[in-house]
Amino acid sequence: MRYFRACLRKIRRLIKPFEWLIKLLNGDVAPKTLLILAICSPVLILLLVTCLESMLSGFSFTNDLIELLFLIDLLRTGIDNFATFIGLILMLKFQTMSSTFVCTIQGAAIFFLAFGIGMWAIHFMAFFWSKWKLHRKRSWPADIPLPGVSIIKPLVGEDPHLASNLETFFTINYPKFEILFCVQDNNDPAINVVDKLMEKYPTVDARLFKGGEKVGINPKINNMQPAYISMKHELILISDSGIRMKEDTLLDMVCHMDDKTGLVHQMPFTCDRQGFPAILEKVYFGTSHARIYLAADLVGINCPTGMSALMRKKLLDEASRFRVGGIKAFGCFLAEDYFFAKSITDRGWKITISSQPAWQNSGYCDIQSFQSRISRWAKLRFAMVPPTILAEPFSECMVLGICVAFATRVLLRWDPIVVFLIHLLTWCIMDWFLLRSVQNGNIPFTKFEFVLAWLFREASAPFLFIHSLMFPNIRWRQGYYRLQWGGRVEEIAPKVKL
């Protein structure tokens, strides 16, 4: 029985934070606290039951096992009657609102169930589109000459993989292209890397632009402006410094640029690298990010990123009828890639995804930098498309699983724990297959490592969302920025801690 007593002590410690429920029944707690209870209680109960069930392996006596199972059954009964429990509290607190509350609970359950079905539909859409769209060879008509392409590479600093990444652009198998390197600082260490590559490949048309030009707040636009006004060709490829190119990638992107298409973009993915942070990045870009990215491309929603995007220069120049023309028209935005695409689609042109992903290969990879990057993107989304604030948290696996478990309990009387676990397992399996489809080959880590990285990513997603809401300002490169509704940005001085 000592194991049983130890278990009870753990249970008491777990339920101690709920002592304030007595105050709630006595009318001493504000309605805000009631809302917090409604949101947090199912999470805490699920965690409590999971902890209890995980202890079963440590008990060897039959009586102890029976007693523990009895406790778990009581907890399951409490979960089964969760809606009734909350309803009782509200009736004690607001006796005249009982019928309204029941209708609200049922309405919320219907919404969560419909939203969950929609997210599962996105899962299947993304997997189907990855099979249909990615890693498929496309050819250019032999009787039509290939258009020239100007590749703009904005550079800031040097990392261990910079030289090898840039060299892949010198070895592209394409008849007519130029590479325009841009650095803001005349003493940038990336200059030496570029000079050596230009000496190694003298037959490649490559130029280096230093100093940039101040045309807006966006430092990337300022850095690229001199190269943009000096480019020779009708197509422009903006590619980040951490991207690697295969020999046929540029040809593949050009083959997607038909008469009705104004922008061809690559879905972000990562090269095979060692270490848990690298695994975490590959899992994120091959599952959560790829799912939304592919589904958005399938239905024609604006989703391009600025890592690697091929555009028609004339469409950027024609932006003058809306602003001032060229890429400097987008210097007031930090997410220039989103507004490039928006400007193009607003005039009736299509955007499409290339069959090859953008292979990210940064020389530095750590969890903190990765999470800061994801948080920065979330802040940009919230500013550009405010409704995502409401939808995004419920699209995450853990939060959606709890909502669906609650909905099926209210509407169908299903066991919420079983529903949650099935949801979690199936979501993980679907993500594994999507990752394999995007990778188009063997995954460079074990299934166990995948599950660890996947759980870490999914569990941390709600916290990154909350952090992005609480701290909306962005630190990027050397600047500190405040976002405004609609995506415009202003530079501010960073806070100094004394």
Foldseek 3Di string as FASTA:
>chain_A
DVVLVVLVVVVCVLCVVVPCVVVLLVVNDDVVVLVVCVQCVLVSLLVSLVVLVVCLVVDDDPVSNVVSVVVSVVSLVCVLCVLVVSLVSVCSNVVVCSVVSLVVLLVLLVVLQVLLVVLVVLLVLLLVLLQVFAPDDFDDDPVDAFFEEEEEEEDAADFPCLLVQVLLVLLAQHDHYEYEYWYQAPPHPVVVSVVVSCVVRVVGHYDYYYNFADLAQAVSLSRCVVVLVVDDTQKYKYAYSQWHDHNCQVVQQSSPCDPQAFKEAAQAAADDDDDLLNLLRRLCSLFVVSSVQSSCQVVQHQDHQRNIMMGGQVLQQVCCVVPNGHLSSQRQFNRSSSVSVVSQVVVPGGYHYGNAHTYGHGNDGDDVVVLLVVLLVLLLCCQAPVVCLVVVVCSFQQNSLQSNLSSCSSPVVDSSSVSSVVSVVVSLVSSVSSSCSNVVDDDPDDPVSSVVSVVVCRVCVVVSSVVCVVDSWHDDDPWIWHGHRNRGIDTDDDDDDD
